[in-house]
Amino acid sequence: MIREWKPGAQAAVVEVPANHNEKILRRAAANALFDVTSRVAATDMANSIRNNRIDHTSHEIGIFYKDGYGETP
């Protein structure tokens, strides 16, 4: 998808795949053996991991967009 992008093309929206830690936390949150507080905490940690990854990616896109890559804006 990245290689096919051309200047002026419409932005693509894609799902961020879960990393290993996020998957484990979401599995723990789905386990009915844990109490509600633990399940909510696991979900919150998984969401935090995802949000941090999205923020980091958005920041990198902003840098790439601003500075360009080589001679290509």
PDB file of N, CA and C in Angstrom:
ATOM      1  N   MET A   1       0.826  -1.184   0.000  1.00  0.00           N
ATOM      2  CA  MET A   1       0.000   0.000   0.000  1.00  0.00           C
ATOM      3  C   MET A   1       0.877   1.257   0.000  1.00  0.00           C
ATOM      4  N   ILE A   2       1.941   1.240   0.781  1.00  0.00           N
ATOM      5  CA  ILE A   2       2.811   2.409   0.870  1.00  0.00           C
ATOM      6  C   ILE A   2       3.496   2.680  -0.467  1.00  0.00           C
ATOM      7  N   ARG A   3       3.959   1.640  -1.112  1.00  0.00           N
ATOM      8  CA  ARG A   3       4.662   1.805  -2.385  1.00  0.00           C
ATOM      9  C   ARG A   3       3.745   2.279  -3.498  1.00  0.00           C
ATOM     10  N   GLU A   4       2.455   2.025  -3.381  1.00  0.00           N
ATOM     11  CA  GLU A   4       1.504   2.414  -4.417  1.00  0.00           C
ATOM     12  C   GLU A   4       0.994   3.845  -4.248  1.00  0.00           C
ATOM     13  N   TRP A   5       1.276   4.458  -3.078  1.00  0.00           N
ATOM     14  CA  TRP A   5       0.789   5.805  -2.818  1.00  0.00           C
ATOM     15  C   TRP A   5       1.487   6.806  -3.724  1.00  0.00           C
ATOM     16  N   LYS A   6       0.730   7.772  -4.185  1.00  0.00           N
ATOM     17  CA  LYS A   6       1.256   8.862  -5.019  1.00  0.00           C
ATOM     18  C   LYS A   6       0.793  10.182  -4.403  1.00  0.00           C
ATOM     19  N   PRO A   7       1.589  11.256  -4.570  1.00  0.00           N
ATOM     20  CA  PRO A   7       1.160  12.557  -4.061  1.00  0.00           C
ATOM     21  C   PRO A   7      -0.223  12.918  -4.572  1.00  0.00           C
ATOM     22  N   GLY A   8      -1.051  13.402  -3.693  1.00  0.00           N
ATOM     23  CA  GLY A   8      -2.403  13.789  -4.039  1.00  0.00           C
ATOM     24  C   GLY A   8      -3.420  12.680  -3.874  1.00  0.00           C
ATOM     25  N   ALA A   9      -2.947  11.451  -3.627  1.00  0.00           N
ATOM     26  CA  ALA A   9      -3.874  10.331  -3.445  1.00  0.00           C
ATOM     27  C   ALA A   9      -4.592  10.478  -2.102  1.00  0.00           C
ATOM     28  N   GLN A  10      -5.771   9.923  -2.042  1.00  0.00           N
ATOM     29  CA  GLN A  10      -6.562   9.974  -0.821  1.00  0.00           C
ATOM     30  C   GLN A  10      -5.866   9.174   0.281  1.00  0.00           C
ATOM     31  N   ALA A  11      -5.974   9.640   1.506  1.00  0.00           N
ATOM     32  CA  ALA A  11      -5.353   8.950   2.644  1.00  0.00           C
ATOM     33  C   ALA A  11      -6.008   7.595   2.855  1.00  0.00           C
ATOM     34  N   ALA A  12      -5.189   6.623   3.192  1.00  0.00           N
ATOM     35  CA  ALA A  12      -5.698   5.282   3.478  1.00  0.00           C
ATOM     36  C   ALA A  12      -5.871   5.132   4.985  1.00  0.00           C
ATOM     37  N   VAL A  13      -6.928   4.482   5.380  1.00  0.00           N
ATOM     38  CA  VAL A  13      -7.170   4.211   6.796  1.00  0.00           C
ATOM     39  C   VAL A  13      -7.047   2.709   6.986  1.00  0.00           C
ATOM     40  N   VAL A  14      -6.148   2.314   7.876  1.00  0.00           N
ATOM     41  CA  VAL A  14      -5.913   0.889   8.109  1.00  0.00           C
ATOM     42  C   VAL A  14      -5.991   0.601   9.606  1.00  0.00           C
ATOM     43  N   GLU A  15      -6.276  -0.642   9.922  1.00  0.00           N
ATOM     44  CA  GLU A  15      -6.320  -1.064  11.312  1.00  0.00           C
ATOM     45  C   GLU A  15      -4.893  -1.310  11.802  1.00  0.00           C
ATOM     46  N   VAL A  16      -4.634  -0.908  13.028  1.00  0.00           N
ATOM     47  CA  VAL A  16      -3.330  -1.161  13.629  1.00  0.00           C
ATOM     48  C   VAL A  16      -3.362  -2.563  14.222  1.00  0.00           C
ATOM     49  N   PRO A  17      -2.516  -3.470  13.721  1.00  0.00           N
ATOM     50  CA  PRO A  17      -2.531  -4.822  14.283  1.00  0.00           C
ATOM     51  C   PRO A  17      -2.005  -4.806  15.722  1.00  0.00           C
ATOM     52  N   ALA A  18      -2.600  -5.612  16.549  1.00  0.00           N
ATOM     53  CA  ALA A  18      -2.193  -5.688  17.953  1.00  0.00           C
ATOM     54  C   ALA A  18      -0.814  -6.321  18.063  1.00  0.00           C
ATOM     55  N   ASN A  19       0.017  -5.784  18.964  1.00  0.00           N
ATOM     56  CA  ASN A  19       1.309  -6.419  19.191  1.00  0.00           C
ATOM     57  C   ASN A  19       1.154  -7.516  20.249  1.00  0.00           C
ATOM     58  N   HIS A  20       2.236  -8.210  20.549  1.00  0.00           N
ATOM     59  CA  HIS A  20       2.193  -9.363  21.444  1.00  0.00           C
ATOM     60  C   HIS A  20       1.644  -8.992  22.836  1.00  0.00           C
ATOM     61  N   ASN A  21       2.140  -7.908  23.409  1.00  0.00           N
ATOM     62  CA  ASN A  21       1.700  -7.506  24.753  1.00  0.00           C
ATOM     63  C   ASN A  21       0.214  -7.148  24.789  1.00  0.00           C
ATOM     64  N   GLU A  22      -0.235  -6.457  23.773  1.00  0.00           N
ATOM     65  CA  GLU A  22      -1.649  -6.086  23.711  1.00  0.00           C
ATOM     66  C   GLU A  22      -2.533  -7.326  23.603  1.00  0.00           C
ATOM     67  N   LYS A  23      -2.123  -8.289  22.792  1.00  0.00           N
ATOM     68  CA  LYS A  23      -2.902  -9.523  22.660  1.00  0.00           C
ATOM     69  C   LYS A  23      -3.022 -10.253  23.992  1.00  0.00           C
ATOM     70  N   ILE A  24      -1.912 -10.348  24.716  1.00  0.00           N
ATOM     71  CA  ILE A  24      -1.928 -11.038  26.014  1.00  0.00           C
ATOM     72  C   ILE A  24      -2.857 -10.326  26.988  1.00  0.00           C
ATOM     73  N   LEU A  25      -2.768  -9.013  27.043  1.00  0.00           N
ATOM     74  CA  LEU A  25      -3.625  -8.254  27.955  1.00  0.00           C
ATOM     75  C   LEU A  25      -5.099  -8.392  27.587  1.00  0.00           C
ATOM     76  N   ARG A  26      -5.412  -8.405  26.316  1.00  0.00           N
ATOM     77  CA  ARG A  26      -6.813  -8.554  25.903  1.00  0.00           C
ATOM     78  C   ARG A  26      -7.324  -9.960  26.213  1.00  0.00           C
ATOM     79  N   ARG A  27      -6.470 -10.961  26.089  1.00  0.00           N
ATOM     80  CA  ARG A  27      -6.875 -12.321  26.483  1.00  0.00           C
ATOM     81  C   ARG A  27      -7.143 -12.385  27.982  1.00  0.00           C
ATOM     82  N   ALA A  28      -6.285 -11.754  28.768  1.00  0.00           N
ATOM     83  CA  ALA A  28      -6.485 -11.732  30.216  1.00  0.00           C
ATOM     84  C   ALA A  28      -7.781 -11.005  30.564  1.00  0.00           C
ATOM     85  N   ALA A  29      -8.064  -9.916  29.865  1.00  0.00           N
ATOM     86  CA  ALA A  29      -9.280  -9.147  30.128  1.00  0.00           C
ATOM     87  C   ALA A  29     -10.536  -9.942  29.794  1.00  0.00           C
ATOM     88  N   ALA A  30     -10.425 -10.886  28.880  1.00  0.00           N
ATOM     89  CA  ALA A  30     -11.578 -11.700  28.488  1.00  0.00           C
ATOM     90  C   ALA A  30     -11.772 -12.913  29.397  1.00  0.00           C
ATOM     91  N   ASN A  31     -10.823 -13.155  30.302  1.00  0.00           N
ATOM     92  CA  ASN A  31     -10.882 -14.321  31.185  1.00  0.00           C
ATOM     93  C   ASN A  31     -11.838 -14.051  32.339  1.00  0.00           C
ATOM     94  N   ALA A  32     -12.929 -14.790  32.388  1.00  0.00           N
ATOM     95  CA  ALA A  32     -13.960 -14.594  33.421  1.00  0.00           C
ATOM     96  C   ALA A  32     -13.484 -14.989  34.812  1.00  0.00           C
ATOM     97  N   LEU A  33     -12.347 -15.670  34.913  1.00  0.00           N
ATOM     98  CA  LEU A  33     -11.826 -16.055  36.228  1.00  0.00           C
ATOM     99  C   LEU A  33     -11.264 -14.867  37.003  1.00  0.00           C
ATOM    100  N   PHE A  34     -10.859 -13.806  36.274  1.00  0.00           N
ATOM    101  CA  PHE A  34     -10.356 -12.598  36.922  1.00  0.00           C
ATOM    102  C   PHE A  34     -11.518 -11.717  37.377  1.00  0.00           C
ATOM    103  N   ASP A  35     -11.293 -10.961  38.447  1.00  0.00           N
ATOM    104  CA  ASP A  35     -12.347 -10.055  38.912  1.00  0.00           C
ATOM    105  C   ASP A  35     -12.469  -8.871  37.948  1.00  0.00           C
ATOM    106  N   VAL A  36     -13.548  -8.142  38.085  1.00  0.00           N
ATOM    107  CA  VAL A  36     -13.856  -7.039  37.165  1.00  0.00           C
ATOM    108  C   VAL A  36     -12.752  -5.987  37.166  1.00  0.00           C
ATOM    109  N   THR A  37     -12.229  -5.661  38.337  1.00  0.00           N
ATOM    110  CA  THR A  37     -11.195  -4.630  38.424  1.00  0.00           C
ATOM    111  C   THR A  37      -9.950  -5.035  37.646  1.00  0.00           C
ATOM    112  N   SER A  38      -9.544  -6.286  37.764  1.00  0.00           N
ATOM    113  CA  SER A  38      -8.371  -6.779  37.044  1.00  0.00           C
ATOM    114  C   SER A  38      -8.614  -6.774  35.544  1.00  0.00           C
ATOM    115  N   ARG A  39      -9.816  -7.150  35.140  1.00  0.00           N
ATOM    116  CA  ARG A  39     -10.145  -7.177  33.719  1.00  0.00           C
ATOM    117  C   ARG A  39     -10.156  -5.776  33.126  1.00  0.00           C
ATOM    118  N   VAL A  40     -10.693  -4.820  33.889  1.00  0.00           N
ATOM    119  CA  VAL A  40     -10.705  -3.424  33.420  1.00  0.00           C
ATOM    120  C   VAL A  40      -9.281  -2.887  33.335  1.00  0.00           C
ATOM    121  N   ALA A  41      -8.442  -3.226  34.318  1.00  0.00           N
ATOM    122  CA  ALA A  41      -7.049  -2.771  34.300  1.00  0.00           C
ATOM    123  C   ALA A  41      -6.305  -3.343  33.102  1.00  0.00           C
ATOM    124  N   ALA A  42      -6.518  -4.615  32.805  1.00  0.00           N
ATOM    125  CA  ALA A  42      -5.860  -5.239  31.646  1.00  0.00           C
ATOM    126  C   ALA A  42      -6.320  -4.580  30.346  1.00  0.00           C
ATOM    127  N   THR A  43      -7.611  -4.297  30.246  1.00  0.00           N
ATOM    128  CA  THR A  43      -8.132  -3.624  29.054  1.00  0.00           C
ATOM    129  C   THR A  43      -7.538  -2.225  28.920  1.00  0.00           C
ATOM    130  N   ASP A  44      -7.444  -1.512  30.034  1.00  0.00           N
ATOM    131  CA  ASP A  44      -6.877  -0.166  30.026  1.00  0.00           C
ATOM    132  C   ASP A  44      -5.409  -0.189  29.590  1.00  0.00           C
ATOM    133  N   MET A  45      -4.648  -1.153  30.087  1.00  0.00           N
ATOM    134  CA  MET A  45      -3.239  -1.264  29.690  1.00  0.00           C
ATOM    135  C   MET A  45      -3.124  -1.591  28.202  1.00  0.00           C
ATOM    136  N   ALA A  46      -3.972  -2.492  27.705  1.00  0.00           N
ATOM    137  CA  ALA A  46      -3.950  -2.840  26.276  1.00  0.00           C
ATOM    138  C   ALA A  46      -4.295  -1.618  25.422  1.00  0.00           C
ATOM    139  N   ASN A  47      -5.300  -0.854  25.858  1.00  0.00           N
ATOM    140  CA  ASN A  47      -5.676   0.360  25.121  1.00  0.00           C
ATOM    141  C   ASN A  47      -4.548   1.378  25.148  1.00  0.00           C
ATOM    142  N   SER A  48      -3.862   1.483  26.264  1.00  0.00           N
ATOM    143  CA  SER A  48      -2.751   2.420  26.389  1.00  0.00           C
ATOM    144  C   SER A  48      -1.612   2.046  25.438  1.00  0.00           C
ATOM    145  N   ILE A  49      -1.308   0.749  25.359  1.00  0.00           N
ATOM    146  CA  ILE A  49      -0.280   0.278  24.425  1.00  0.00           C
ATOM    147  C   ILE A  49      -0.660   0.637  22.999  1.00  0.00           C
ATOM    148  N   ARG A  50      -1.904   0.363  22.639  1.00  0.00           N
ATOM    149  CA  ARG A  50      -2.375   0.663  21.279  1.00  0.00           C
ATOM    150  C   ARG A  50      -2.301   2.169  21.001  1.00  0.00           C
ATOM    151  N   ASN A  51      -2.778   2.975  21.942  1.00  0.00           N
ATOM    152  CA  ASN A  51      -2.771   4.429  21.744  1.00  0.00           C
ATOM    153  C   ASN A  51      -1.356   4.969  21.611  1.00  0.00           C
ATOM    154  N   ASN A  52      -0.423   4.439  22.410  1.00  0.00           N
ATOM    155  CA  ASN A  52       0.974   4.877  22.304  1.00  0.00           C
ATOM    156  C   ASN A  52       1.558   4.529  20.942  1.00  0.00           C
ATOM    157  N   ARG A  53       1.241   3.341  20.433  1.00  0.00           N
ATOM    158  CA  ARG A  53       1.739   2.936  19.125  1.00  0.00           C
ATOM    159  C   ARG A  53       1.151   3.821  18.027  1.00  0.00           C
ATOM    160  N   ILE A  54      -0.126   4.150  18.134  1.00  0.00           N
ATOM    161  CA  ILE A  54      -0.774   5.020  17.144  1.00  0.00           C
ATOM    162  C   ILE A  54      -0.178   6.418  17.201  1.00  0.00           C
ATOM    163  N   ASP A  55       0.015   6.951  18.414  1.00  0.00           N
ATOM    164  CA  ASP A  55       0.612   8.281  18.561  1.00  0.00           C
ATOM    165  C   ASP A  55       2.021   8.320  17.977  1.00  0.00           C
ATOM    166  N   HIS A  56       2.801   7.274  18.240  1.00  0.00           N
ATOM    167  CA  HIS A  56       4.165   7.214  17.718  1.00  0.00           C
ATOM    168  C   HIS A  56       4.149   7.187  16.188  1.00  0.00           C
ATOM    169  N   THR A  57       3.269   6.396  15.626  1.00  0.00           N
ATOM    170  CA  THR A  57       3.166   6.305  14.167  1.00  0.00           C
ATOM    171  C   THR A  57       2.716   7.638  13.576  1.00  0.00           C
ATOM    172  N   SER A  58       1.740   8.280  14.209  1.00  0.00           N
ATOM    173  CA  SER A  58       1.267   9.591  13.728  1.00  0.00           C
ATOM    174  C   SER A  58       2.398  10.613  13.763  1.00  0.00           C
ATOM    175  N   HIS A  59       3.203  10.565  14.819  1.00  0.00           N
ATOM    176  CA  HIS A  59       4.336  11.480  14.942  1.00  0.00           C
ATOM    177  C   HIS A  59       5.341  11.236  13.809  1.00  0.00           C
ATOM    178  N   GLU A  60       5.647   9.972  13.530  1.00  0.00           N
ATOM    179  CA  GLU A  60       6.575   9.651  12.446  1.00  0.00           C
ATOM    180  C   GLU A  60       6.026  10.090  11.088  1.00  0.00           C
ATOM    181  N   ILE A  61       4.732   9.902  10.886  1.00  0.00           N
ATOM    182  CA  ILE A  61       4.117  10.345   9.625  1.00  0.00           C
ATOM    183  C   ILE A  61       4.248  11.856   9.491  1.00  0.00           C
ATOM    184  N   GLY A  62       4.027  12.587  10.602  1.00  0.00           N
ATOM    185  CA  GLY A  62       4.166  14.038  10.580  1.00  0.00           C
ATOM    186  C   GLY A  62       5.572  14.476  10.216  1.00  0.00           C
ATOM    187  N   ILE A  63       6.566  13.784  10.775  1.00  0.00           N
ATOM    188  CA  ILE A  63       7.959  14.103  10.459  1.00  0.00           C
ATOM    189  C   ILE A  63       8.238  13.793   8.991  1.00  0.00           C
ATOM    190  N   PHE A  64       7.810  12.634   8.540  1.00  0.00           N
ATOM    191  CA  PHE A  64       8.045  12.231   7.152  1.00  0.00           C
ATOM    192  C   PHE A  64       7.361  13.199   6.194  1.00  0.00           C
ATOM    193  N   TYR A  65       6.133  13.582   6.524  1.00  0.00           N
ATOM    194  CA  TYR A  65       5.377  14.499   5.661  1.00  0.00           C
ATOM    195  C   TYR A  65       6.048  15.866   5.614  1.00  0.00           C
ATOM    196  N   LYS A  66       6.516  16.334   6.779  1.00  0.00           N
ATOM    197  CA  LYS A  66       7.124  17.658   6.846  1.00  0.00           C
ATOM    198  C   LYS A  66       8.480  17.697   6.144  1.00  0.00           C
ATOM    199  N   ASP A  67       9.332  16.722   6.452  1.00  0.00           N
ATOM    200  CA  ASP A  67      10.706  16.744   5.956  1.00  0.00           C
ATOM    201  C   ASP A  67      10.871  16.023   4.617  1.00  0.00           C
ATOM    202  N   GLY A  68       9.971  15.129   4.298  1.00  0.00           N
ATOM    203  CA  GLY A  68      10.103  14.365   3.066  1.00  0.00           C
ATOM    204  C   GLY A  68      11.165  13.286   3.198  1.00  0.00           C
ATOM    205  N   TYR A  69      11.392  12.607   2.138  1.00  0.00           N
ATOM    206  CA  TYR A  69      12.374  11.535   2.124  1.00  0.00           C
ATOM    207  C   TYR A  69      13.268  11.771   0.929  1.00  0.00           C
ATOM    208  N   GLY A  70      14.506  12.157   1.205  1.00  0.00           N
ATOM    209  CA  GLY A  70      15.416  12.482   0.098  1.00  0.00           C
ATOM    210  C   GLY A  70      14.887  13.680  -0.665  1.00  0.00           C
ATOM    211  N   GLU A  71      14.736  13.545  -1.955  1.00  0.00           N
ATOM    212  CA  GLU A  71      14.220  14.641  -2.773  1.00  0.00           C
ATOM    213  C   GLU A  71      12.714  14.546  -2.977  1.00  0.00           C
ATOM    214  N   THR A  72      12.095  13.503  -2.408  1.00  0.00           N
ATOM    215  CA  THR A  72      10.651  13.312  -2.596  1.00  0.00           C
ATOM    216  C   THR A  72       9.906  13.912  -1.411  1.00  0.00           C
ATOM    217  N   PRO A  73       9.064  14.907  -1.669  1.00  0.00           N
ATOM    218  CA  PRO A  73       8.299  15.495  -0.542  1.00  0.00           C
ATOM    219  C   PRO A  73       7.264  14.515   0.007  1.00  0.00           C
TER     220      PRO A  73
END
